[in-house]
PDB file of N, CA and C in Angstrom:
ATOM      1  N   MET A   1     -35.770  99.696-106.718  1.00  0.00           N
ATOM      2  CA  MET A   1     -36.339  97.908-106.580  1.00  0.00           C
ATOM      3  C   MET A   1     -35.919  97.403-107.717  1.00  0.00           C
ATOM      4  N   GLN A   2     -34.741  96.214-107.606  1.00  0.00           N
ATOM      5  CA  GLN A   2     -34.763  95.630-108.769  1.00  0.00           C
ATOM      6  C   GLN A   2     -35.181  94.049-108.562  1.00  0.00           C
ATOM      7  N   GLY A   3     -35.374  93.697-107.315  1.00  0.00           N
ATOM      8  CA  GLY A   3     -35.818  92.221-107.390  1.00  0.00           C
ATOM      9  C   GLY A   3     -34.798  91.330-106.960  1.00  0.00           C
ATOM     10  N   ASP A   4     -33.457  91.809-107.081  1.00  0.00           N
ATOM     11  CA  ASP A   4     -32.389  90.999-106.895  1.00  0.00           C
ATOM     12  C   ASP A   4     -32.277  90.659-105.429  1.00  0.00           C
ATOM     13  N   LEU A   5     -32.192  89.604-104.865  1.00  0.00           N
ATOM     14  CA  LEU A   5     -32.085  89.568-103.626  1.00  0.00           C
ATOM     15  C   LEU A   5     -30.524  89.008-103.417  1.00  0.00           C
ATOM     16  N   GLY A   6     -29.845  89.165-104.172  1.00  0.00           N
ATOM     17  CA  GLY A   6     -28.273  88.974-103.998  1.00  0.00           C
ATOM     18  C   GLY A   6     -27.666  87.439-103.787  1.00  0.00           C
ATOM     19  N   THR A   7     -26.467  87.168-103.267  1.00  0.00           N
ATOM     20  CA  THR A   7     -26.122  85.782-102.790  1.00  0.00           C
ATOM     21  C   THR A   7     -26.339  85.647-101.749  1.00  0.00           C
ATOM     22  N   SER A   8     -26.493  84.220-101.205  1.00  0.00           N
ATOM     23  CA  SER A   8     -26.473  83.896 -99.703  1.00  0.00           C
ATOM     24  C   SER A   8     -25.168  83.954 -99.322  1.00  0.00           C
ATOM     25  N   LEU A   9     -24.931  84.655 -97.903  1.00  0.00           N
ATOM     26  CA  LEU A   9     -23.563  84.513 -97.556  1.00  0.00           C
ATOM     27  C   LEU A   9     -23.045  83.223 -97.044  1.00  0.00           C
ATOM     28  N   TYR A  10     -23.786  82.259 -96.511  1.00  0.00           N
ATOM     29  CA  TYR A  10     -24.015  80.954 -96.164  1.00  0.00           C
ATOM     30  C   TYR A  10     -23.218  79.869 -96.984  1.00  0.00           C
ATOM     31  N   SER A  11     -23.862  79.994 -98.245  1.00  0.00           N
ATOM     32  CA  SER A  11     -23.956  78.582 -98.936  1.00  0.00           C
ATOM     33  C   SER A  11     -23.467  79.344-100.636  1.00  0.00           C
ATOM     34  N   LYS A  12     -23.435  80.646-100.480  1.00  0.00           N
ATOM     35  CA  LYS A  12     -23.124  81.397-101.699  1.00  0.00           C
ATOM     36  C   LYS A  12     -23.998  81.447-103.311  1.00  0.00           C
ATOM     37  N   PRO A  13     -24.894  80.212-103.263  1.00  0.00           N
ATOM     38  CA  PRO A  13     -26.102  80.578-104.534  1.00  0.00           C
ATOM     39  C   PRO A  13     -26.801  81.916-104.308  1.00  0.00           C
ATOM     40  N   PRO A  14     -27.636  82.117-105.655  1.00  0.00           N
ATOM     41  CA  PRO A  14     -28.170  83.156-105.535  1.00  0.00           C
ATOM     42  C   PRO A  14     -29.186  82.757-104.311  1.00  0.00           C
ATOM     43  N   VAL A  15     -29.770  83.961-103.642  1.00  0.00           N
ATOM     44  CA  VAL A  15     -31.097  83.599-102.697  1.00  0.00           C
ATOM     45  C   VAL A  15     -32.069  83.235-103.411  1.00  0.00           C
ATOM     46  N   VAL A  16     -32.520  83.618-104.252  1.00  0.00           N
ATOM     47  CA  VAL A  16     -33.698  83.471-105.146  1.00  0.00           C
ATOM     48  C   VAL A  16     -33.457  81.873-105.590  1.00  0.00           C
ATOM     49  N   LYS A  17     -32.472  81.123-105.984  1.00  0.00           N
ATOM     50  CA  LYS A  17     -32.372  80.074-105.986  1.00  0.00           C
ATOM     51  C   LYS A  17     -32.539  78.752-104.587  1.00  0.00           C
ATOM     52  N   GLU A  18     -32.189  79.322-103.605  1.00  0.00           N
ATOM     53  CA  GLU A  18     -32.352  78.877-102.116  1.00  0.00           C
ATOM     54  C   GLU A  18     -33.910  78.942-101.632  1.00  0.00           C
ATOM     55  N   LEU A  19     -34.414  80.066-102.008  1.00  0.00           N
ATOM     56  CA  LEU A  19     -36.062  80.411-101.661  1.00  0.00           C
ATOM     57  C   LEU A  19     -36.647  79.341-102.510  1.00  0.00           C
ATOM     58  N   SER A  20     -36.304  79.112-104.004  1.00  0.00           N
ATOM     59  CA  SER A  20     -37.330  78.436-104.852  1.00  0.00           C
ATOM     60  C   SER A  20     -37.161  77.079-104.456  1.00  0.00           C
ATOM     61  N   THR A  21     -35.960  76.410-103.926  1.00  0.00           N
ATOM     62  CA  THR A  21     -35.932  74.884-103.500  1.00  0.00           C
ATOM     63  C   THR A  21     -36.519  74.881-102.306  1.00  0.00           C
ATOM     64  N   ARG A  22     -36.767  75.645-101.264  1.00  0.00           N
ATOM     65  CA  ARG A  22     -36.955  75.551-100.093  1.00  0.00           C
ATOM     66  C   ARG A  22     -38.802  76.035-100.025  1.00  0.00           C
ATOM     67  N   PHE A  23     -38.956  76.796-100.998  1.00  0.00           N
ATOM     68  CA  PHE A  23     -40.664  77.332-101.053  1.00  0.00           C
ATOM     69  C   PHE A  23     -41.465  76.305-100.883  1.00  0.00           C
ATOM     70  N   PRO A  24     -41.429  75.271-101.534  1.00  0.00           N
ATOM     71  CA  PRO A  24     -42.641  74.149-101.908  1.00  0.00           C
ATOM     72  C   PRO A  24     -42.713  73.399-100.568  1.00  0.00           C
ATOM     73  N   ASN A  25     -41.730  73.168 -99.947  1.00  0.00           N
ATOM     74  CA  ASN A  25     -41.905  72.365 -98.278  1.00  0.00           C
ATOM     75  C   ASN A  25     -42.408  73.153 -97.571  1.00  0.00           C
ATOM     76  N   THR A  26     -42.186  74.192 -97.578  1.00  0.00           N
ATOM     77  CA  THR A  26     -42.464  75.584 -96.797  1.00  0.00           C
ATOM     78  C   THR A  26     -44.349  75.546 -96.992  1.00  0.00           C
ATOM     79  N   LEU A  27     -44.585  75.672 -98.297  1.00  0.00           N
ATOM     80  CA  LEU A  27     -45.905  76.030 -98.335  1.00  0.00           C
ATOM     81  C   LEU A  27     -46.899  74.429 -97.897  1.00  0.00           C
ATOM     82  N   LYS A  28     -46.389  73.672 -98.415  1.00  0.00           N
ATOM     83  CA  LYS A  28     -46.486  72.090 -97.953  1.00  0.00           C
ATOM     84  C   LYS A  28     -46.891  72.212 -96.228  1.00  0.00           C
ATOM     85  N   LEU A  29     -46.008  72.759 -95.685  1.00  0.00           N
ATOM     86  CA  LEU A  29     -46.292  72.427 -94.427  1.00  0.00           C
ATOM     87  C   LEU A  29     -47.365  73.597 -93.944  1.00  0.00           C
ATOM     88  N   ALA A  30     -47.189  74.965 -94.495  1.00  0.00           N
ATOM     89  CA  ALA A  30     -48.488  75.712 -93.933  1.00  0.00           C
ATOM     90  C   ALA A  30     -49.745  75.287 -94.555  1.00  0.00           C
ATOM     91  N   LEU A  31     -49.767  74.487 -95.389  1.00  0.00           N
ATOM     92  CA  LEU A  31     -51.199  74.121 -95.648  1.00  0.00           C
ATOM     93  C   LEU A  31     -51.430  73.246 -94.908  1.00  0.00           C
ATOM     94  N   VAL A  32     -50.956  71.949 -94.727  1.00  0.00           N
ATOM     95  CA  VAL A  32     -51.052  70.902 -93.706  1.00  0.00           C
ATOM     96  C   VAL A  32     -51.648  71.449 -92.116  1.00  0.00           C
ATOM     97  N   SER A  33     -50.600  72.628 -91.452  1.00  0.00           N
ATOM     98  CA  SER A  33     -50.910  73.024 -90.462  1.00  0.00           C
ATOM     99  C   SER A  33     -52.089  73.948 -90.548  1.00  0.00           C
ATOM    100  N   HIS A  34     -52.602  74.418 -91.434  1.00  0.00           N
ATOM    101  CA  HIS A  34     -53.851  75.383 -91.748  1.00  0.00           C
ATOM    102  C   HIS A  34     -55.216  74.063 -91.524  1.00  0.00           C
ATOM    103  N   ALA A  35     -54.974  73.131 -92.413  1.00  0.00           N
ATOM    104  CA  ALA A  35     -55.840  71.928 -92.357  1.00  0.00           C
ATOM    105  C   ALA A  35     -56.124  71.861 -90.979  1.00  0.00           C
ATOM    106  N   LEU A  36     -55.005  71.371 -90.107  1.00  0.00           N
ATOM    107  CA  LEU A  36     -54.975  70.758 -89.133  1.00  0.00           C
ATOM    108  C   LEU A  36     -55.861  71.579 -88.080  1.00  0.00           C
ATOM    109  N   ALA A  37     -55.462  72.798 -88.107  1.00  0.00           N
ATOM    110  CA  ALA A  37     -56.215  73.843 -87.170  1.00  0.00           C
ATOM    111  C   ALA A  37     -57.623  73.710 -87.448  1.00  0.00           C
ATOM    112  N   VAL A  38     -58.092  73.913 -88.889  1.00  0.00           N
ATOM    113  CA  VAL A  38     -59.063  73.896 -89.251  1.00  0.00           C
ATOM    114  C   VAL A  38     -60.300  72.793 -88.826  1.00  0.00           C
ATOM    115  N   VAL A  39     -59.565  71.682 -88.817  1.00  0.00           N
ATOM    116  CA  VAL A  39     -60.413  70.368 -88.477  1.00  0.00           C
ATOM    117  C   VAL A  39     -60.414  70.340 -86.771  1.00  0.00           C
ATOM    118  N   LEU A  40     -58.809  70.428 -86.024  1.00  0.00           N
ATOM    119  CA  LEU A  40     -59.399  70.916 -84.623  1.00  0.00           C
ATOM    120  C   LEU A  40     -60.301  71.689 -84.244  1.00  0.00           C
ATOM    121  N   GLY A  41     -60.199  72.972 -84.729  1.00  0.00           N
ATOM    122  CA  GLY A  41     -61.374  74.100 -84.519  1.00  0.00           C
ATOM    123  C   GLY A  41     -62.985  73.586 -84.606  1.00  0.00           C
ATOM    124  N   ILE A  42     -62.620  72.856 -85.593  1.00  0.00           N
ATOM    125  CA  ILE A  42     -64.583  72.370 -85.971  1.00  0.00           C
ATOM    126  C   ILE A  42     -64.639  71.218 -84.947  1.00  0.00           C
ATOM    127  N   GLY A  43     -63.827  70.277 -84.645  1.00  0.00           N
ATOM    128  CA  GLY A  43     -63.943  69.659 -83.438  1.00  0.00           C
ATOM    129  C   GLY A  43     -64.393  69.923 -82.306  1.00  0.00           C
ATOM    130  N   ALA A  44     -63.362  71.068 -81.946  1.00  0.00           N
ATOM    131  CA  ALA A  44     -63.602  71.818 -80.455  1.00  0.00           C
ATOM    132  C   ALA A  44     -64.957  72.224 -80.543  1.00  0.00           C
ATOM    133  N   LEU A  45     -65.475  72.935 -81.560  1.00  0.00           N
ATOM    134  CA  LEU A  45     -66.915  73.808 -81.974  1.00  0.00           C
ATOM    135  C   LEU A  45     -68.093  72.700 -81.418  1.00  0.00           C
ATOM    136  N   LEU A  46     -67.903  71.318 -82.212  1.00  0.00           N
ATOM    137  CA  LEU A  46     -68.730  70.497 -82.033  1.00  0.00           C
ATOM    138  C   LEU A  46     -68.719  70.028 -80.547  1.00  0.00           C
ATOM    139  N   MET A  47     -67.637  69.762 -79.889  1.00  0.00           N
ATOM    140  CA  MET A  47     -67.757  69.121 -78.532  1.00  0.00           C
ATOM    141  C   MET A  47     -68.414  70.585 -77.763  1.00  0.00           C
ATOM    142  N   ALA A  48     -67.696  71.688 -78.054  1.00  0.00           N
ATOM    143  CA  ALA A  48     -68.625  72.817 -77.071  1.00  0.00           C
ATOM    144  C   ALA A  48     -70.216  72.766 -77.239  1.00  0.00           C
ATOM    145  N   VAL A  49     -70.464  72.652 -78.653  1.00  0.00           N
ATOM    146  CA  VAL A  49     -72.036  72.682 -78.702  1.00  0.00           C
ATOM    147  C   VAL A  49     -72.852  71.545 -77.883  1.00  0.00           C
ATOM    148  N   ILE A  50     -72.424  70.133 -77.978  1.00  0.00           N
ATOM    149  CA  ILE A  50     -72.581  69.110 -77.394  1.00  0.00           C
ATOM    150  C   ILE A  50     -72.802  69.051 -75.801  1.00  0.00           C
ATOM    151  N   VAL A  51     -71.463  69.618 -75.359  1.00  0.00           N
ATOM    152  CA  VAL A  51     -71.400  69.718 -73.614  1.00  0.00           C
ATOM    153  C   VAL A  51     -72.051  70.957 -73.262  1.00  0.00           C
ATOM    154  N   PHE A  52     -72.216  72.157 -73.571  1.00  0.00           N
ATOM    155  CA  PHE A  52     -72.736  73.286 -73.367  1.00  0.00           C
ATOM    156  C   PHE A  52     -74.125  73.644 -73.732  1.00  0.00           C
ATOM    157  N   SER A  53     -74.811  72.901 -74.886  1.00  0.00           N
ATOM    158  CA  SER A  53     -76.295  73.240 -75.547  1.00  0.00           C
ATOM    159  C   SER A  53     -77.025  72.968 -74.125  1.00  0.00           C
ATOM    160  N   PRO A  54     -77.923  73.780 -74.141  1.00  0.00           N
ATOM    161  CA  PRO A  54     -79.579  73.275 -73.251  1.00  0.00           C
ATOM    162  C   PRO A  54     -80.155  72.794 -73.627  1.00  0.00           C
ATOM    163  N   ARG A  55     -80.531  71.776 -72.659  1.00  0.00           N
ATOM    164  CA  ARG A  55     -81.456  70.808 -73.163  1.00  0.00           C
ATOM    165  C   ARG A  55     -82.813  70.842 -72.363  1.00  0.00           C
TER     166      ARG A  55
END
Protein backbone atom coordinates (compact mmCIF):
# COMPACT_ATOMS: atom_id res chain seq x y z
CA MET A 1 0.00 0.00 0.00
CA GLN A 2 1.57 3.25 -1.14
CA GLY A 3 -1.40 5.60 -0.99
CA ASP A 4 -0.72 6.75 -4.55
CA LEU A 5 -3.95 6.68 -6.53
CA GLY A 6 -2.24 7.39 -9.86
CA THR A 7 -3.43 9.72 -12.58
CA SER A 8 -6.90 10.22 -13.97
CA LEU A 9 -7.52 8.39 -17.23
CA TYR A 10 -9.93 11.10 -18.36
CA SER A 11 -8.41 14.45 -17.36
CA LYS A 12 -4.76 13.40 -16.67
CA PRO A 13 -4.03 15.19 -13.32
CA PRO A 14 -3.33 13.12 -10.20
CA VAL A 15 -6.44 11.46 -8.78
CA VAL A 16 -5.68 12.88 -5.32
CA LYS A 17 -5.89 16.42 -6.75
CA GLU A 18 -9.20 15.62 -8.44
CA LEU A 19 -10.61 14.19 -5.22
CA SER A 20 -9.40 17.11 -3.11
CA THR A 21 -11.18 19.62 -5.34
CA ARG A 22 -14.46 17.68 -5.31
CA PHE A 23 -14.53 16.44 -1.72
CA PRO A 24 -15.69 19.70 -0.05
CA ASN A 25 -18.80 19.88 -2.25
CA THR A 26 -19.51 16.20 -1.68
CA LEU A 27 -19.21 16.70 2.08
CA LYS A 28 -21.56 19.71 1.98
CA LEU A 29 -24.12 17.72 0.00
CA ALA A 30 -23.92 14.81 2.43
CA LEU A 31 -24.31 17.05 5.50
CA VAL A 32 -27.26 18.97 4.04
CA SER A 33 -28.92 15.70 3.00
CA HIS A 34 -28.42 14.24 6.47
CA ALA A 35 -29.80 17.37 8.15
CA LEU A 36 -32.84 17.34 5.86
CA ALA A 37 -33.47 13.66 6.61
CA VAL A 38 -33.27 14.33 10.36
CA VAL A 39 -35.68 17.27 10.15
CA LEU A 40 -38.17 15.33 8.01
CA GLY A 41 -37.86 12.28 10.26
CA ILE A 42 -38.58 14.30 13.39
CA GLY A 43 -41.49 15.98 11.62
CA ALA A 44 -42.92 12.61 10.61
CA LEU A 45 -42.46 11.34 14.17
CA LEU A 46 -44.32 14.30 15.63
CA MET A 47 -47.15 13.93 13.11
CA ALA A 48 -47.47 10.22 13.95
CA VAL A 49 -47.55 10.95 17.67
CA ILE A 50 -50.23 13.61 17.21
CA VAL A 51 -52.39 11.56 14.84
CA PHE A 52 -52.08 8.14 16.45
CA SER A 53 -51.87 9.03 20.14
CA PRO A 54 -54.64 7.55 22.28
CA ARG A 55 -57.03 10.15 23.60
